[in-house]
C-alpha atoms as a PDB file:
ATOM      1  CA  ASN A   1     -14.521  52.545  -0.104  1.00  0.00           C
ATOM      2  CA  LEU A   2     -14.640  56.208   0.288  1.00  0.00           C
ATOM      3  CA  SER A   3     -11.481  56.904  -2.358  1.00  0.00           C
ATOM      4  CA  LYS A   4     -13.805  56.123  -5.788  1.00  0.00           C
ATOM      5  CA  PRO A   5     -16.491  58.778  -4.832  1.00  0.00           C
ATOM      6  CA  ILE A   6     -14.149  61.245  -3.675  1.00  0.00           C
ATOM      7  CA  LEU A   7     -12.313  60.671  -6.996  1.00  0.00           C
ATOM      8  CA  ASP A   8     -15.371  61.232  -8.949  1.00  0.00           C
ATOM      9  CA  ILE A   9     -16.165  64.575  -7.160  1.00  0.00           C
ATOM     10  CA  SER A  10     -13.111  65.947  -7.034  1.00  0.00           C
ATOM     11  CA  ILE A  11     -12.955  65.091 -10.729  1.00  0.00           C
ATOM     12  CA  TYR A  12     -16.498  66.527 -11.752  1.00  0.00           C
ATOM     13  CA  ALA A  13     -15.703  69.775  -9.442  1.00  0.00           C
ATOM     14  CA  ARG A  14     -12.820  70.581 -11.575  1.00  0.00           C
ATOM     15  CA  LYS A  15     -14.413  70.010 -14.903  1.00  0.00           C
ATOM     16  CA  LEU A  16     -17.319  71.869 -13.805  1.00  0.00           C
ATOM     17  CA  ALA A  17     -14.965  74.718 -12.861  1.00  0.00           C
ATOM     18  CA  GLN A  18     -13.351  75.017 -15.932  1.00  0.00           C
ATOM     19  CA  ASN A  19     -16.197  74.877 -18.414  1.00  0.00           C
ATOM     20  CA  VAL A  20     -18.714  77.144 -16.357  1.00  0.00           C
ATOM     21  CA  GLY A  21     -15.866  79.201 -15.166  1.00  0.00           C
ATOM     22  CA  GLY A  22     -14.254  79.946 -11.580  1.00  0.00           C
ATOM     23  CA  LEU A  23     -14.993  78.210  -8.398  1.00  0.00           C
ATOM     24  CA  TRP A  24     -18.565  79.311  -7.454  1.00  0.00           C
ATOM     25  CA  ALA A  25     -20.008  76.640  -9.611  1.00  0.00           C
ATOM     26  CA  PRO A  26     -18.962  73.687  -7.559  1.00  0.00           C
ATOM     27  CA  GLY A  27     -18.561  75.982  -4.293  1.00  0.00           C
ATOM     28  CA  GLY A  28     -22.843  77.088  -4.963  1.00  0.00           C
ATOM     29  CA  MET A  29     -23.876  73.492  -5.462  1.00  0.00           C
ATOM     30  CA  LEU A  30     -21.969  72.232  -2.210  1.00  0.00           C
ATOM     31  CA  ALA A  31     -23.491  75.634  -0.514  1.00  0.00           C
ATOM     32  CA  TYR A  32     -27.340  74.263  -1.569  1.00  0.00           C
ATOM     33  CA  LEU A  33     -27.027  70.822  -0.868  1.00  0.00           C
ATOM     34  CA  ALA A  34     -25.725  71.966   2.600  1.00  0.00           C
ATOM     35  CA  ALA A  35     -28.539  74.337   3.284  1.00  0.00           C
ATOM     36  CA  SER A  36     -31.103  71.736   1.746  1.00  0.00           C
ATOM     37  CA  GLY A  37     -29.542  69.115   4.286  1.00  0.00           C
ATOM     38  CA  VAL A  38     -30.006  71.482   7.081  1.00  0.00           C
ATOM     39  CA  PHE A  39     -33.370  72.365   6.231  1.00  0.00           C
ATOM     40  CA  LEU A  40     -34.880  68.990   5.724  1.00  0.00           C
ATOM     41  CA  THR A  41     -33.150  67.992   9.076  1.00  0.00           C
ATOM     42  CA  TRP A  42     -34.996  70.653  10.585  1.00  0.00           C
ATOM     43  CA  MET A  43     -38.326  69.337   8.962  1.00  0.00           C
ATOM     44  CA  ARG A  44     -37.961  66.306   9.989  1.00  0.00           C
ATOM     45  CA  ARG A  45     -37.372  66.686  13.713  1.00  0.00           C
ATOM     46  CA  PRO A  46     -41.269  67.010  15.018  1.00  0.00           C
ATOM     47  CA  LEU A  47     -42.586  64.566  12.144  1.00  0.00           C
ATOM     48  CA  GLY A  48     -40.038  61.751  14.113  1.00  0.00           C
ATOM     49  CA  LYS A  49     -42.148  62.303  17.194  1.00  0.00           C
ATOM     50  CA  PHE A  50     -45.220  61.795  15.139  1.00  0.00           C
ATOM     51  CA  THR A  51     -44.150  58.653  14.058  1.00  0.00           C
ATOM     52  CA  VAL A  52     -42.638  57.316  17.308  1.00  0.00           C
ATOM     53  CA  ARG A  53     -46.589  57.864  18.457  1.00  0.00           C
ATOM     54  CA  GLU A  54     -48.295  56.725  15.494  1.00  0.00           C
ATOM     55  CA  GLN A  55     -46.399  53.756  15.550  1.00  0.00           C
ATOM     56  CA  LYS A  56     -47.391  53.247  19.758  1.00  0.00           C
ATOM     57  CA  LEU A  57     -50.637  53.845  18.870  1.00  0.00           C
ATOM     58  CA  GLU A  58     -50.537  51.305  16.260  1.00  0.00           C
ATOM     59  CA  GLY A  59     -48.887  48.645  18.353  1.00  0.00           C
ATOM     60  CA  VAL A  60     -51.773  48.998  20.734  1.00  0.00           C
ATOM     61  CA  PHE A  61     -54.556  48.443  18.281  1.00  0.00           C
ATOM     62  CA  ARG A  62     -53.198  45.621  17.004  1.00  0.00           C
ATOM     63  CA  HIS A  63     -52.669  43.991  20.410  1.00  0.00           C
ATOM     64  CA  VAL A  64     -56.313  44.495  20.647  1.00  0.00           C
ATOM     65  CA  ALA A  65     -57.117  42.919  17.819  1.00  0.00           C
ATOM     66  CA  ALA A  66     -54.968  39.981  18.101  1.00  0.00           C
ATOM     67  CA  ARG A  67     -56.431  39.687  21.763  1.00  0.00           C
ATOM     68  CA  ILE A  68     -60.316  39.668  20.306  1.00  0.00           C
ATOM     69  CA  ILE A  69     -59.337  37.133  16.942  1.00  0.00           C
ATOM     70  CA  THR A  70     -57.453  34.602  19.849  1.00  0.00           C
ATOM     71  CA  ASN A  71     -60.591  34.994  22.432  1.00  0.00           C
ATOM     72  CA  SER A  72     -63.575  35.294  19.861  1.00  0.00           C
ATOM     73  CA  GLU A  73     -64.912  32.072  20.911  1.00  0.00           C
ATOM     74  CA  GLU A  74     -64.597  33.159  24.598  1.00  0.00           C
ATOM     75  CA  ILE A  75     -65.927  36.259  24.017  1.00  0.00           C
ATOM     76  CA  ALA A  76     -68.979  34.907  21.987  1.00  0.00           C
ATOM     77  CA  PHE A  77     -69.731  32.452  24.550  1.00  0.00           C
ATOM     78  CA  TYR A  78     -69.714  34.476  27.740  1.00  0.00           C
ATOM     79  CA  ARG A  79     -71.301  37.433  26.143  1.00  0.00           C
ATOM     80  CA  GLY A  80     -68.371  39.896  26.722  1.00  0.00           C
ATOM     81  CA  ASN A  81     -69.109  42.006  23.557  1.00  0.00           C
ATOM     82  CA  ALA A  82     -69.527  45.034  25.637  1.00  0.00           C
ATOM     83  CA  ARG A  83     -66.252  45.003  27.608  1.00  0.00           C
ATOM     84  CA  GLU A  84     -64.232  44.314  24.452  1.00  0.00           C
ATOM     85  CA  ALA A  85     -65.998  47.025  22.862  1.00  0.00           C
ATOM     86  CA  ASP A  86     -64.814  49.144  25.687  1.00  0.00           C
ATOM     87  CA  TRP A  87     -61.444  47.661  25.116  1.00  0.00           C
ATOM     88  CA  VAL A  88     -61.119  48.688  21.617  1.00  0.00           C
ATOM     89  CA  GLU A  89     -62.827  52.016  22.257  1.00  0.00           C
ATOM     90  CA  ALA A  90     -59.801  52.899  24.610  1.00  0.00           C
ATOM     91  CA  ALA A  91     -56.959  51.340  22.222  1.00  0.00           C
END
Protein backbone atom coordinates (compact mmCIF):
# COMPACT_ATOMS: atom_id res chain seq x y z
CA ASN A 1 0.00 0.00 0.00
CA LEU A 2 1.53 3.30 -1.08
CA SER A 3 -0.90 5.74 0.50
CA LYS A 4 0.73 5.69 3.99
CA PRO A 5 4.33 6.37 2.82
CA ILE A 6 3.15 9.08 0.42
CA LEU A 7 1.15 10.72 3.20
CA ASP A 8 4.13 10.53 5.59
CA ILE A 9 6.46 12.08 3.02
CA SER A 10 4.05 14.88 2.19
CA ILE A 11 3.48 15.72 5.88
CA TYR A 12 7.22 15.64 6.56
CA ALA A 13 7.93 17.86 3.54
CA ARG A 14 5.26 20.35 4.63
CA LYS A 15 6.56 20.54 8.21
CA LEU A 16 10.13 20.84 6.96
CA ALA A 17 9.16 23.68 4.65
CA GLN A 18 7.38 25.46 7.53
CA ASN A 19 10.26 25.09 9.98
CA VAL A 20 13.18 25.74 7.64
CA GLY A 21 11.40 28.17 5.39
CA GLY A 22 10.36 27.75 1.80
CA LEU A 23 10.31 24.80 -0.51
CA TRP A 24 14.06 24.72 -1.08
CA ALA A 25 14.67 22.29 1.80
CA PRO A 26 12.38 19.47 0.60
CA GLY A 27 13.30 20.24 -3.00
CA GLY A 28 16.99 20.12 -2.15
CA MET A 29 16.56 16.81 -0.39
CA LEU A 30 14.69 15.32 -3.34
CA ALA A 31 17.31 16.65 -5.77
CA TYR A 32 20.07 15.14 -3.62
CA LEU A 33 18.29 11.77 -3.50
CA ALA A 34 17.72 11.78 -7.26
CA ALA A 35 21.33 12.77 -8.02
CA SER A 36 22.77 10.16 -5.66
CA GLY A 37 20.47 7.49 -7.15
CA VAL A 38 21.63 8.31 -10.67
CA PHE A 39 25.28 8.34 -9.58
CA LEU A 40 25.04 5.01 -7.74
CA THR A 41 23.28 3.39 -10.70
CA TRP A 42 26.01 4.69 -13.00
CA MET A 43 28.72 3.29 -10.69
CA ARG A 44 26.97 -0.07 -10.25
CA ARG A 45 26.68 -1.00 -13.94
CA PRO A 46 30.31 -2.12 -14.50
CA LEU A 47 30.25 -4.04 -11.22
CA GLY A 48 27.36 -6.15 -12.50
CA LYS A 49 29.52 -7.47 -15.34
CA PHE A 50 32.28 -8.38 -12.88
CA THR A 51 29.77 -10.15 -10.64
CA VAL A 52 28.46 -12.22 -13.54
CA ARG A 53 31.99 -13.22 -14.54
CA GLU A 54 32.91 -14.06 -10.94
CA GLN A 55 29.83 -16.26 -10.52
CA LYS A 56 30.59 -18.14 -13.76
CA LEU A 57 34.17 -18.80 -12.67
CA GLU A 58 33.06 -19.92 -9.21
CA GLY A 59 30.52 -22.27 -10.79
CA VAL A 60 33.19 -23.88 -12.97
CA PHE A 61 35.49 -24.24 -9.96
CA ARG A 62 32.70 -25.80 -7.87
CA HIS A 63 31.97 -28.25 -10.68
CA VAL A 64 35.62 -29.33 -10.89
CA ALA A 65 35.91 -29.63 -7.11
CA ALA A 66 32.72 -31.69 -6.88
CA ARG A 67 33.95 -33.91 -9.69
CA ILE A 68 37.22 -34.56 -7.85
CA ILE A 69 35.38 -35.30 -4.60
CA THR A 70 32.97 -37.68 -6.35
CA ASN A 71 35.66 -39.55 -8.27
CA SER A 72 38.55 -39.37 -5.80
CA GLU A 73 38.88 -43.15 -5.39
CA GLU A 74 39.03 -43.74 -9.15
CA ILE A 75 41.50 -40.88 -9.61
CA ALA A 76 43.78 -42.38 -6.98
CA PHE A 77 43.41 -45.95 -8.26
CA TYR A 78 44.16 -45.06 -11.90
CA ARG A 79 46.79 -42.46 -10.92
CA GLY A 80 44.93 -39.71 -12.69
CA ASN A 81 46.19 -36.94 -10.44
CA ALA A 82 48.20 -35.25 -13.22
CA ARG A 83 45.19 -35.17 -15.55
CA GLU A 84 42.91 -33.86 -12.81
CA ALA A 85 45.50 -31.22 -11.87
CA ASP A 86 45.35 -30.03 -15.48
CA TRP A 87 41.53 -29.76 -15.16
CA VAL A 88 41.86 -27.74 -11.97
CA GLU A 89 44.47 -25.42 -13.49
CA ALA A 90 42.28 -24.89 -16.58
CA ALA A 91 39.33 -23.99 -14.38
